């Protein structure tokens, strides 16, 4: 409710509601920036892993990317290289015949 003084023909402008709207808008911008920063920080914690399978024995090994950095990726590549030397293959590179052989155990 707007109070009028004697002689006022028009209500005095009230900037309170506009100020509150601006403050609310500023809070929303701050919240959005905080959410973006949080997501950016958490994305560095995501680990990517490669599952390696030995097509002859069916054994599996997992090579993780440690921290999402270049050093973590290099460590993962070193892990994959070491297991490849021992006959392991990334699971997505297995052929259909190898997959069938792994799923059905060898009979004595």
PDB file of N, CA and C in Angstrom:
ATOM      1  N   UNK A   1       0.836  -1.166   0.000  1.00  0.00           N
ATOM      2  CA  UNK A   1       0.000   0.000   0.000  1.00  0.00           C
ATOM      3  C   UNK A   1       0.888   1.239   0.000  1.00  0.00           C
ATOM      4  N   UNK A   2       0.584   2.165  -0.853  1.00  0.00           N
ATOM      5  CA  UNK A   2       1.381   3.374  -0.993  1.00  0.00           C
ATOM      6  C   UNK A   2       0.750   4.472  -0.159  1.00  0.00           C
ATOM      7  N   UNK A   3       1.578   5.091   0.677  1.00  0.00           N
ATOM      8  CA  UNK A   3       1.071   6.196   1.492  1.00  0.00           C
ATOM      9  C   UNK A   3       1.148   7.486   0.685  1.00  0.00           C
ATOM     10  N   UNK A   4       0.132   8.258   0.818  1.00  0.00           N
ATOM     11  CA  UNK A   4       0.104   9.538   0.109  1.00  0.00           C
ATOM     12  C   UNK A   4       0.112  10.666   1.118  1.00  0.00           C
ATOM     13  N   UNK A   5       0.790  11.687   0.744  1.00  0.00           N
ATOM     14  CA  UNK A   5       0.781  12.896   1.560  1.00  0.00           C
ATOM     15  C   UNK A   5      -0.241  13.858   0.984  1.00  0.00           C
ATOM     16  N   UNK A   6      -0.586  14.776   1.770  1.00  0.00           N
ATOM     17  CA  UNK A   6      -1.513  15.792   1.285  1.00  0.00           C
ATOM     18  C   UNK A   6      -0.850  16.558   0.153  1.00  0.00           C
ATOM     19  N   UNK A   7      -1.483  16.663  -0.944  1.00  0.00           N
ATOM     20  CA  UNK A   7      -0.955  17.385  -2.082  1.00  0.00           C
ATOM     21  C   UNK A   7      -0.297  16.481  -3.114  1.00  0.00           C
ATOM     22  N   UNK A   8      -0.089  15.190  -2.772  1.00  0.00           N
ATOM     23  CA  UNK A   8       0.469  14.264  -3.758  1.00  0.00           C
ATOM     24  C   UNK A   8      -0.649  13.783  -4.669  1.00  0.00           C
ATOM     25  N   UNK A   9      -0.452  13.983  -5.935  1.00  0.00           N
ATOM     26  CA  UNK A   9      -1.457  13.499  -6.884  1.00  0.00           C
ATOM     27  C   UNK A   9      -1.097  12.113  -7.399  1.00  0.00           C
ATOM     28  N   UNK A  10       0.206  11.836  -7.404  1.00  0.00           N
ATOM     29  CA  UNK A  10       0.660  10.527  -7.876  1.00  0.00           C
ATOM     30  C   UNK A  10       1.421   9.846  -6.751  1.00  0.00           C
ATOM     31  N   UNK A  11       1.314   8.570  -6.689  1.00  0.00           N
ATOM     32  CA  UNK A  11       2.080   7.888  -5.636  1.00  0.00           C
ATOM     33  C   UNK A  11       3.580   8.020  -5.893  1.00  0.00           C
ATOM     34  N   UNK A  12       4.316   8.148  -4.816  1.00  0.00           N
ATOM     35  CA  UNK A  12       5.767   8.215  -4.966  1.00  0.00           C
ATOM     36  C   UNK A  12       6.277   6.867  -5.478  1.00  0.00           C
ATOM     37  N   UNK A  13       7.260   6.909  -6.330  1.00  0.00           N
ATOM     38  CA  UNK A  13       7.771   5.638  -6.843  1.00  0.00           C
ATOM     39  C   UNK A  13       8.441   4.837  -5.737  1.00  0.00           C
ATOM     40  N   UNK A  14       8.198   3.586  -5.749  1.00  0.00           N
ATOM     41  CA  UNK A  14       8.779   2.688  -4.763  1.00  0.00           C
ATOM     42  C   UNK A  14       9.773   1.792  -5.491  1.00  0.00           C
ATOM     43  N   UNK A  15      11.039   1.909  -5.177  1.00  0.00           N
ATOM     44  CA  UNK A  15      12.069   1.126  -5.846  1.00  0.00           C
ATOM     45  C   UNK A  15      12.405  -0.149  -5.087  1.00  0.00           C
ATOM     46  N   UNK A  16      11.702  -0.399  -4.018  1.00  0.00           N
ATOM     47  CA  UNK A  16      12.017  -1.562  -3.182  1.00  0.00           C
ATOM     48  C   UNK A  16      11.851  -2.866  -3.953  1.00  0.00           C
ATOM     49  N   UNK A  17      10.766  -3.011  -4.686  1.00  0.00           N
ATOM     50  CA  UNK A  17      10.536  -4.259  -5.394  1.00  0.00           C
ATOM     51  C   UNK A  17      11.554  -4.451  -6.521  1.00  0.00           C
ATOM     52  N   UNK A  18      11.940  -3.368  -7.175  1.00  0.00           N
ATOM     53  CA  UNK A  18      12.946  -3.475  -8.225  1.00  0.00           C
ATOM     54  C   UNK A  18      14.296  -3.868  -7.623  1.00  0.00           C
ATOM     55  N   UNK A  19      14.607  -3.307  -6.474  1.00  0.00           N
ATOM     56  CA  UNK A  19      15.862  -3.645  -5.811  1.00  0.00           C
ATOM     57  C   UNK A  19      15.883  -5.109  -5.422  1.00  0.00           C
ATOM     58  N   UNK A  20      14.783  -5.608  -4.919  1.00  0.00           N
ATOM     59  CA  UNK A  20      14.713  -7.025  -4.541  1.00  0.00           C
ATOM     60  C   UNK A  20      14.855  -7.921  -5.764  1.00  0.00           C
ATOM     61  N   UNK A  21      14.280  -7.511  -6.870  1.00  0.00           N
ATOM     62  CA  UNK A  21      14.393  -8.314  -8.089  1.00  0.00           C
ATOM     63  C   UNK A  21      15.839  -8.344  -8.570  1.00  0.00           C
ATOM     64  N   UNK A  22      16.519  -7.230  -8.476  1.00  0.00           N
ATOM     65  CA  UNK A  22      17.922  -7.174  -8.882  1.00  0.00           C
ATOM     66  C   UNK A  22      18.772  -8.046  -7.962  1.00  0.00           C
ATOM     67  N   UNK A  23      18.497  -7.989  -6.668  1.00  0.00           N
ATOM     68  CA  UNK A  23      19.236  -8.815  -5.720  1.00  0.00           C
ATOM     69  C   UNK A  23      18.997 -10.306  -5.988  1.00  0.00           C
ATOM     70  N   UNK A  24      17.766 -10.654  -6.277  1.00  0.00           N
ATOM     71  CA  UNK A  24      17.457 -12.049  -6.583  1.00  0.00           C
ATOM     72  C   UNK A  24      18.178 -12.494  -7.851  1.00  0.00           C
ATOM     73  N   UNK A  25      18.223 -11.619  -8.833  1.00  0.00           N
ATOM     74  CA  UNK A  25      18.924 -11.935 -10.086  1.00  0.00           C
ATOM     75  C   UNK A  25      20.420 -12.130  -9.821  1.00  0.00           C
ATOM     76  N   UNK A  26      20.996 -11.297  -8.984  1.00  0.00           N
ATOM     77  CA  UNK A  26      22.422 -11.423  -8.646  1.00  0.00           C
ATOM     78  C   UNK A  26      22.680 -12.736  -7.910  1.00  0.00           C
ATOM     79  N   UNK A  27      21.776 -13.120  -7.006  1.00  0.00           N
ATOM     80  CA  UNK A  27      21.934 -14.397  -6.298  1.00  0.00           C
ATOM     81  C   UNK A  27      21.869 -15.567  -7.263  1.00  0.00           C
ATOM     82  N   UNK A  28      20.984 -15.498  -8.246  1.00  0.00           N
ATOM     83  CA  UNK A  28      20.866 -16.577  -9.233  1.00  0.00           C
ATOM     84  C   UNK A  28      22.142 -16.672 -10.073  1.00  0.00           C
ATOM     85  N   UNK A  29      22.708 -15.532 -10.443  1.00  0.00           N
ATOM     86  CA  UNK A  29      23.955 -15.553 -11.216  1.00  0.00           C
ATOM     87  C   UNK A  29      25.079 -16.165 -10.389  1.00  0.00           C
ATOM     88  N   UNK A  30      25.152 -15.800  -9.119  1.00  0.00           N
ATOM     89  CA  UNK A  30      26.179 -16.349  -8.243  1.00  0.00           C
ATOM     90  C   UNK A  30      26.011 -17.856  -8.091  1.00  0.00           C
ATOM     91  N   UNK A  31      24.779 -18.304  -7.929  1.00  0.00           N
ATOM     92  CA  UNK A  31      24.497 -19.731  -7.807  1.00  0.00           C
ATOM     93  C   UNK A  31      24.869 -20.471  -9.085  1.00  0.00           C
ATOM     94  N   UNK A  32      24.576 -19.898 -10.232  1.00  0.00           N
ATOM     95  CA  UNK A  32      24.909 -20.529 -11.506  1.00  0.00           C
ATOM     96  C   UNK A  32      26.417 -20.652 -11.674  1.00  0.00           C
ATOM     97  N   UNK A  33      27.149 -19.611 -11.324  1.00  0.00           N
ATOM     98  CA  UNK A  33      28.608 -19.653 -11.426  1.00  0.00           C
ATOM     99  C   UNK A  33      29.170 -20.709 -10.470  1.00  0.00           C
ATOM    100  N   UNK A  34      28.624 -20.774  -9.266  1.00  0.00           N
ATOM    101  CA  UNK A  34      29.089 -21.768  -8.298  1.00  0.00           C
ATOM    102  C   UNK A  34      28.823 -23.185  -8.804  1.00  0.00           C
ATOM    103  N   UNK A  35      27.667 -23.411  -9.411  1.00  0.00           N
ATOM    104  CA  UNK A  35      27.347 -24.733  -9.950  1.00  0.00           C
ATOM    105  C   UNK A  35      28.292 -25.110 -11.090  1.00  0.00           C
ATOM    106  N   UNK A  36      28.593 -24.168 -11.946  1.00  0.00           N
ATOM    107  CA  UNK A  36      29.518 -24.439 -13.059  1.00  0.00           C
ATOM    108  C   UNK A  36      30.903 -24.769 -12.525  1.00  0.00           C
ATOM    109  N   UNK A  37      31.376 -24.025 -11.530  1.00  0.00           N
ATOM    110  CA  UNK A  37      32.683 -24.298 -10.953  1.00  0.00           C
ATOM    111  C   UNK A  37      32.720 -25.658 -10.268  1.00  0.00           C
ATOM    112  N   UNK A  38      31.640 -26.021  -9.598  1.00  0.00           N
ATOM    113  CA  UNK A  38      31.559 -27.328  -8.946  1.00  0.00           C
ATOM    114  C   UNK A  38      31.627 -28.455  -9.977  1.00  0.00           C
ATOM    115  N   UNK A  39      30.878 -28.322 -11.055  1.00  0.00           N
ATOM    116  CA  UNK A  39      30.911 -29.342 -12.099  1.00  0.00           C
ATOM    117  C   UNK A  39      32.285 -29.434 -12.756  1.00  0.00           C
ATOM    118  N   UNK A  40      32.918 -28.309 -12.959  1.00  0.00           N
ATOM    119  CA  UNK A  40      34.263 -28.315 -13.550  1.00  0.00           C
ATOM    120  C   UNK A  40      35.254 -29.007 -12.625  1.00  0.00           C
ATOM    121  N   UNK A  41      35.126 -28.772 -11.331  1.00  0.00           N
ATOM    122  CA  UNK A  41      36.031 -29.403 -10.372  1.00  0.00           C
ATOM    123  C   UNK A  41      35.793 -30.911 -10.311  1.00  0.00           C
ATOM    124  N   UNK A  42      34.544 -31.322 -10.341  1.00  0.00           N
ATOM    125  CA  UNK A  42      34.231 -32.745 -10.271  1.00  0.00           C
ATOM    126  C   UNK A  42      34.592 -33.486 -11.543  1.00  0.00           C
ATOM    127  N   UNK A  43      34.586 -32.806 -12.671  1.00  0.00           N
ATOM    128  CA  UNK A  43      34.908 -33.487 -13.924  1.00  0.00           C
ATOM    129  C   UNK A  43      36.349 -33.948 -13.933  1.00  0.00           C
ATOM    130  N   UNK A  44      37.216 -33.310 -13.177  1.00  0.00           N
ATOM    131  CA  UNK A  44      38.591 -33.754 -13.071  1.00  0.00           C
ATOM    132  C   UNK A  44      38.737 -35.035 -12.268  1.00  0.00           C
ATOM    133  N   UNK A  45      37.717 -35.411 -11.514  1.00  0.00           N
ATOM    134  CA  UNK A  45      37.773 -36.609 -10.683  1.00  0.00           C
ATOM    135  C   UNK A  45      37.239 -37.845 -11.404  1.00  0.00           C
ATOM    136  N   UNK A  46      36.709 -37.671 -12.568  1.00  0.00           N
ATOM    137  CA  UNK A  46      36.138 -38.802 -13.287  1.00  0.00           C
ATOM    138  C   UNK A  46      37.264 -39.713 -13.748  1.00  0.00           C
ATOM    139  N   UNK A  47      37.094 -40.995 -13.514  1.00  0.00           N
ATOM    140  CA  UNK A  47      38.094 -41.960 -13.929  1.00  0.00           C
ATOM    141  C   UNK A  47      37.599 -42.712 -15.152  1.00  0.00           C
ATOM    142  N   UNK A  48      38.488 -42.837 -16.122  1.00  0.00           N
ATOM    143  CA  UNK A  48      38.185 -43.637 -17.293  1.00  0.00           C
ATOM    144  C   UNK A  48      38.951 -44.927 -17.150  1.00  0.00           C
ATOM    145  N   UNK A  49      38.311 -46.028 -17.458  1.00  0.00           N
ATOM    146  CA  UNK A  49      38.990 -47.299 -17.311  1.00  0.00           C
ATOM    147  C   UNK A  49      38.885 -48.120 -18.587  1.00  0.00           C
ATOM    148  N   UNK A  50      39.893 -48.920 -18.802  1.00  0.00           N
ATOM    149  CA  UNK A  50      39.929 -49.818 -19.942  1.00  0.00           C
ATOM    150  C   UNK A  50      40.000 -51.231 -19.385  1.00  0.00           C
ATOM    151  N   UNK A  51      39.095 -52.074 -19.832  1.00  0.00           N
ATOM    152  CA  UNK A  51      39.086 -53.467 -19.403  1.00  0.00           C
ATOM    153  C   UNK A  51      39.853 -54.273 -20.446  1.00  0.00           C
ATOM    154  N   UNK A  52      40.865 -54.997 -19.984  1.00  0.00           N
ATOM    155  CA  UNK A  52      41.677 -55.836 -20.849  1.00  0.00           C
ATOM    156  C   UNK A  52      41.352 -57.300 -20.555  1.00  0.00           C
ATOM    157  N   UNK A  53      41.287 -58.103 -21.599  1.00  0.00           N
ATOM    158  CA  UNK A  53      40.934 -59.514 -21.462  1.00  0.00           C
ATOM    159  C   UNK A  53      41.999 -60.355 -22.151  1.00  0.00           C
ATOM    160  N   UNK A  54      42.374 -61.442 -21.501  1.00  0.00           N
ATOM    161  CA  UNK A  54      43.273 -62.399 -22.145  1.00  0.00           C
ATOM    162  C   UNK A  54      42.398 -63.373 -22.917  1.00  0.00           C
ATOM    163  N   UNK A  55      42.471 -63.395 -24.247  1.00  0.00           N
ATOM    164  CA  UNK A  55      41.574 -64.235 -25.040  1.00  0.00           C
ATOM    165  C   UNK A  55      41.782 -65.731 -24.819  1.00  0.00           C
ATOM    166  N   UNK A  56      42.954 -66.126 -24.325  1.00  0.00           N
ATOM    167  CA  UNK A  56      43.227 -67.551 -24.114  1.00  0.00           C
ATOM    168  C   UNK A  56      42.713 -68.041 -22.769  1.00  0.00           C
ATOM    169  N   UNK A  57      42.854 -67.225 -21.728  1.00  0.00           N
ATOM    170  CA  UNK A  57      42.484 -67.669 -20.388  1.00  0.00           C
ATOM    171  C   UNK A  57      41.175 -67.069 -19.889  1.00  0.00           C
ATOM    172  N   UNK A  58      40.772 -65.935 -20.464  1.00  0.00           N
ATOM    173  CA  UNK A  58      39.552 -65.259 -20.005  1.00  0.00           C
ATOM    174  C   UNK A  58      39.795 -64.339 -18.826  1.00  0.00           C
ATOM    175  N   UNK A  59      41.050 -64.235 -18.359  1.00  0.00           N
ATOM    176  CA  UNK A  59      41.358 -63.337 -17.245  1.00  0.00           C
ATOM    177  C   UNK A  59      41.163 -61.894 -17.673  1.00  0.00           C
ATOM    178  N   UNK A  60      40.807 -61.052 -16.717  1.00  0.00           N
ATOM    179  CA  UNK A  60      40.611 -59.630 -17.018  1.00  0.00           C
ATOM    180  C   UNK A  60      41.503 -58.777 -16.125  1.00  0.00           C
ATOM    181  N   UNK A  61      41.858 -57.629 -16.641  1.00  0.00           N
ATOM    182  CA  UNK A  61      42.597 -56.617 -15.899  1.00  0.00           C
ATOM    183  C   UNK A  61      41.986 -55.267 -16.239  1.00  0.00           C
ATOM    184  N   UNK A  62      42.064 -54.339 -15.297  1.00  0.00           N
ATOM    185  CA  UNK A  62      41.520 -52.996 -15.521  1.00  0.00           C
ATOM    186  C   UNK A  62      42.645 -51.983 -15.379  1.00  0.00           C
ATOM    187  N   UNK A  63      42.760 -51.105 -16.348  1.00  0.00           N
ATOM    188  CA  UNK A  63      43.713 -49.991 -16.287  1.00  0.00           C
ATOM    189  C   UNK A  63      42.902 -48.703 -16.149  1.00  0.00           C
ATOM    190  N   UNK A  64      43.099 -48.012 -15.024  1.00  0.00           N
ATOM    191  CA  UNK A  64      42.364 -46.776 -14.747  1.00  0.00           C
ATOM    192  C   UNK A  64      43.180 -45.555 -15.115  1.00  0.00           C
ATOM    193  N   UNK A  65      42.494 -44.521 -15.542  1.00  0.00           N
ATOM    194  CA  UNK A  65      43.123 -43.202 -15.679  1.00  0.00           C
ATOM    195  C   UNK A  65      42.977 -42.553 -14.322  1.00  0.00           C
ATOM    196  N   UNK A  66      44.070 -42.186 -13.721  1.00  0.00           N
ATOM    197  CA  UNK A  66      44.072 -41.836 -12.308  1.00  0.00           C
ATOM    198  C   UNK A  66      43.377 -40.514 -12.007  1.00  0.00           C
ATOM    199  N   UNK A  67      43.784 -39.431 -12.656  1.00  0.00           N
ATOM    200  CA  UNK A  67      43.283 -38.126 -12.227  1.00  0.00           C
ATOM    201  C   UNK A  67      42.820 -37.215 -13.351  1.00  0.00           C
ATOM    202  N   UNK A  68      42.701 -37.715 -14.556  1.00  0.00           N
ATOM    203  CA  UNK A  68      42.211 -36.895 -15.652  1.00  0.00           C
ATOM    204  C   UNK A  68      43.245 -35.953 -16.230  1.00  0.00           C
ATOM    205  N   UNK A  69      44.501 -36.092 -15.813  1.00  0.00           N
ATOM    206  CA  UNK A  69      45.556 -35.229 -16.347  1.00  0.00           C
ATOM    207  C   UNK A  69      46.339 -35.988 -17.417  1.00  0.00           C
ATOM    208  N   UNK A  70      47.270 -35.294 -18.031  1.00  0.00           N
ATOM    209  CA  UNK A  70      48.117 -35.922 -19.044  1.00  0.00           C
ATOM    210  C   UNK A  70      48.943 -37.037 -18.401  1.00  0.00           C
ATOM    211  N   UNK A  71      49.467 -36.792 -17.209  1.00  0.00           N
ATOM    212  CA  UNK A  71      50.261 -37.808 -16.509  1.00  0.00           C
ATOM    213  C   UNK A  71      49.409 -39.041 -16.205  1.00  0.00           C
ATOM    214  N   UNK A  72      48.153 -38.829 -15.827  1.00  0.00           N
ATOM    215  CA  UNK A  72      47.254 -39.951 -15.566  1.00  0.00           C
ATOM    216  C   UNK A  72      46.971 -40.751 -16.818  1.00  0.00           C
ATOM    217  N   UNK A  73      46.821 -40.070 -17.943  1.00  0.00           N
ATOM    218  CA  UNK A  73      46.574 -40.750 -19.214  1.00  0.00           C
ATOM    219  C   UNK A  73      47.807 -41.540 -19.644  1.00  0.00           C
ATOM    220  N   UNK A  74      48.991 -40.970 -19.419  1.00  0.00           N
ATOM    221  CA  UNK A  74      50.225 -41.679 -19.763  1.00  0.00           C
ATOM    222  C   UNK A  74      50.390 -42.931 -18.901  1.00  0.00           C
ATOM    223  N   UNK A  75      50.053 -42.823 -17.622  1.00  0.00           N
ATOM    224  CA  UNK A  75      50.138 -43.982 -16.733  1.00  0.00           C
ATOM    225  C   UNK A  75      49.180 -45.076 -17.200  1.00  0.00           C
ATOM    226  N   UNK A  76      47.991 -44.682 -17.641  1.00  0.00           N
ATOM    227  CA  UNK A  76      47.033 -45.657 -18.156  1.00  0.00           C
ATOM    228  C   UNK A  76      47.563 -46.313 -19.430  1.00  0.00           C
ATOM    229  N   UNK A  77      48.145 -45.534 -20.328  1.00  0.00           N
ATOM    230  CA  UNK A  77      48.706 -46.098 -21.562  1.00  0.00           C
ATOM    231  C   UNK A  77      49.851 -47.059 -21.256  1.00  0.00           C
ATOM    232  N   UNK A  78      50.674 -46.733 -20.248  1.00  0.00           N
ATOM    233  CA  UNK A  78      51.749 -47.638 -19.840  1.00  0.00           C
ATOM    234  C   UNK A  78      51.173 -48.948 -19.308  1.00  0.00           C
ATOM    235  N   UNK A  79      50.116 -48.853 -18.523  1.00  0.00           N
ATOM    236  CA  UNK A  79      49.451 -50.044 -17.990  1.00  0.00           C
ATOM    237  C   UNK A  79      48.930 -50.923 -19.130  1.00  0.00           C
ATOM    238  N   UNK A  80      48.267 -50.304 -20.092  1.00  0.00           N
ATOM    239  CA  UNK A  80      47.716 -51.057 -21.227  1.00  0.00           C
ATOM    240  C   UNK A  80      48.846 -51.727 -22.011  1.00  0.00           C
ATOM    241  N   UNK A  81      49.932 -51.002 -22.232  1.00  0.00           N
ATOM    242  CA  UNK A  81      51.073 -51.557 -22.976  1.00  0.00           C
ATOM    243  C   UNK A  81      51.660 -52.762 -22.253  1.00  0.00           C
ATOM    244  N   UNK A  82      51.808 -52.670 -20.938  1.00  0.00           N
ATOM    245  CA  UNK A  82      52.368 -53.779 -20.166  1.00  0.00           C
ATOM    246  C   UNK A  82      51.488 -55.028 -20.257  1.00  0.00           C
ATOM    247  N   UNK A  83      50.176 -54.859 -20.189  1.00  0.00           N
ATOM    248  CA  UNK A  83      49.283 -56.017 -20.247  1.00  0.00           C
ATOM    249  C   UNK A  83      49.169 -56.561 -21.666  1.00  0.00           C
ATOM    250  N   UNK A  84      49.302 -55.702 -22.675  1.00  0.00           N
ATOM    251  CA  UNK A  84      49.277 -56.180 -24.067  1.00  0.00           C
ATOM    252  C   UNK A  84      50.457 -57.117 -24.336  1.00  0.00           C
ATOM    253  N   UNK A  85      51.616 -56.805 -23.739  1.00  0.00           N
ATOM    254  CA  UNK A  85      52.797 -57.657 -23.898  1.00  0.00           C
ATOM    255  C   UNK A  85      52.506 -59.065 -23.376  1.00  0.00           C
ATOM    256  N   UNK A  86      51.685 -59.154 -22.353  1.00  0.00           N
ATOM    257  CA  UNK A  86      51.345 -60.449 -21.753  1.00  0.00           C
ATOM    258  C   UNK A  86      50.175 -61.139 -22.455  1.00  0.00           C
ATOM    259  N   UNK A  87      49.689 -60.571 -23.563  1.00  0.00           N
ATOM    260  CA  UNK A  87      48.639 -61.202 -24.351  1.00  0.00           C
ATOM    261  C   UNK A  87      47.232 -60.685 -24.106  1.00  0.00           C
ATOM    262  N   UNK A  88      47.092 -59.657 -23.301  1.00  0.00           N
ATOM    263  CA  UNK A  88      45.772 -59.093 -23.028  1.00  0.00           C
ATOM    264  C   UNK A  88      45.378 -58.126 -24.142  1.00  0.00           C
ATOM    265  N   UNK A  89      44.077 -58.037 -24.390  1.00  0.00           N
ATOM    266  CA  UNK A  89      43.531 -57.186 -25.447  1.00  0.00           C
ATOM    267  C   UNK A  89      42.380 -56.379 -24.829  1.00  0.00           C
ATOM    268  N   UNK A  90      42.229 -55.100 -25.193  1.00  0.00           N
ATOM    269  CA  UNK A  90      41.047 -54.358 -24.719  1.00  0.00           C
ATOM    270  C   UNK A  90      39.762 -55.098 -25.106  1.00  0.00           C
ATOM    271  N   UNK A  91      38.816 -55.140 -24.198  1.00  0.00           N
ATOM    272  CA  UNK A  91      37.596 -55.932 -24.406  1.00  0.00           C
ATOM    273  C   UNK A  91      36.866 -55.529 -25.683  1.00  0.00           C
ATOM    274  N   UNK A  92      36.894 -54.261 -26.045  1.00  0.00           N
ATOM    275  CA  UNK A  92      36.176 -53.830 -27.249  1.00  0.00           C
ATOM    276  C   UNK A  92      36.868 -54.300 -28.529  1.00  0.00           C
ATOM    277  N   UNK A  93      38.119 -54.777 -28.423  1.00  0.00           N
ATOM    278  CA  UNK A  93      38.834 -55.256 -29.602  1.00  0.00           C
ATOM    279  C   UNK A  93      38.731 -56.773 -29.797  1.00  0.00           C
ATOM    280  N   UNK A  94      38.050 -57.460 -28.893  1.00  0.00           N
ATOM    281  CA  UNK A  94      37.897 -58.909 -29.033  1.00  0.00           C
ATOM    282  C   UNK A  94      37.050 -59.236 -30.253  1.00  0.00           C
ATOM    283  N   UNK A  95      37.425 -60.296 -30.964  1.00  0.00           N
ATOM    284  CA  UNK A  95      36.615 -60.749 -32.092  1.00  0.00           C
ATOM    285  C   UNK A  95      35.457 -61.580 -31.567  1.00  0.00           C
ATOM    286  N   UNK A  96      34.479 -61.857 -32.412  1.00  0.00           N
ATOM    287  CA  UNK A  96      33.326 -62.663 -31.995  1.00  0.00           C
ATOM    288  C   UNK A  96      33.753 -64.066 -31.584  1.00  0.00           C
ATOM    289  N   UNK A  97      34.723 -64.647 -32.294  1.00  0.00           N
ATOM    290  CA  UNK A  97      35.198 -65.981 -31.963  1.00  0.00           C
ATOM    291  C   UNK A  97      35.854 -66.005 -30.584  1.00  0.00           C
ATOM    292  N   UNK A  98      36.634 -64.963 -30.289  1.00  0.00           N
ATOM    293  CA  UNK A  98      37.281 -64.885 -28.978  1.00  0.00           C
ATOM    294  C   UNK A  98      36.247 -64.725 -27.870  1.00  0.00           C
ATOM    295  N   UNK A  99      35.207 -63.948 -28.120  1.00  0.00           N
ATOM    296  CA  UNK A  99      34.158 -63.760 -27.111  1.00  0.00           C
ATOM    297  C   UNK A  99      33.449 -65.072 -26.821  1.00  0.00           C
ATOM    298  N   UNK A 100      33.166 -65.856 -27.864  1.00  0.00           N
ATOM    299  CA  UNK A 100      32.491 -67.142 -27.674  1.00  0.00           C
ATOM    300  C   UNK A 100      33.399 -68.090 -26.899  1.00  0.00           C
ATOM    301  N   UNK A 101      34.676 -68.103 -27.229  1.00  0.00           N
ATOM    302  CA  UNK A 101      35.639 -68.978 -26.569  1.00  0.00           C
ATOM    303  C   UNK A 101      35.743 -68.640 -25.078  1.00  0.00           C
ATOM    304  N   UNK A 102      35.707 -67.347 -24.755  1.00  0.00           N
ATOM    305  CA  UNK A 102      35.813 -66.926 -23.362  1.00  0.00           C
ATOM    306  C   UNK A 102      34.548 -67.296 -22.588  1.00  0.00           C
ATOM    307  N   UNK A 103      33.381 -67.164 -23.212  1.00  0.00           N
ATOM    308  CA  UNK A 103      32.116 -67.433 -22.510  1.00  0.00           C
ATOM    309  C   UNK A 103      31.916 -68.932 -22.253  1.00  0.00           C
ATOM    310  N   UNK A 104      32.376 -69.787 -23.144  1.00  0.00           N
ATOM    311  CA  UNK A 104      32.208 -71.217 -22.938  1.00  0.00           C
ATOM    312  C   UNK A 104      33.506 -71.800 -22.394  1.00  0.00           C
ATOM    313  N   UNK A 105      33.487 -72.330 -21.168  1.00  0.00           N
ATOM    314  CA  UNK A 105      34.718 -72.867 -20.592  1.00  0.00           C
ATOM    315  C   UNK A 105      35.195 -74.081 -21.373  1.00  0.00           C
ATOM    316  N   UNK A 106      36.516 -74.246 -21.400  1.00  0.00           N
ATOM    317  CA  UNK A 106      37.102 -75.379 -22.111  1.00  0.00           C
ATOM    318  C   UNK A 106      36.752 -76.689 -21.397  1.00  0.00           C
ATOM    319  N   UNK A 107      36.458 -77.719 -22.193  1.00  0.00           N
ATOM    320  CA  UNK A 107      36.115 -79.014 -21.625  1.00  0.00           C
ATOM    321  C   UNK A 107      37.395 -79.870 -21.512  1.00  0.00           C
ATOM    322  N   UNK A 108      37.546 -80.613 -20.400  1.00  0.00           N
ATOM    323  CA  UNK A 108      38.759 -81.428 -20.243  1.00  0.00           C
ATOM    324  C   UNK A 108      38.793 -82.636 -21.163  1.00  0.00           C
TER     325      UNK A 108
END
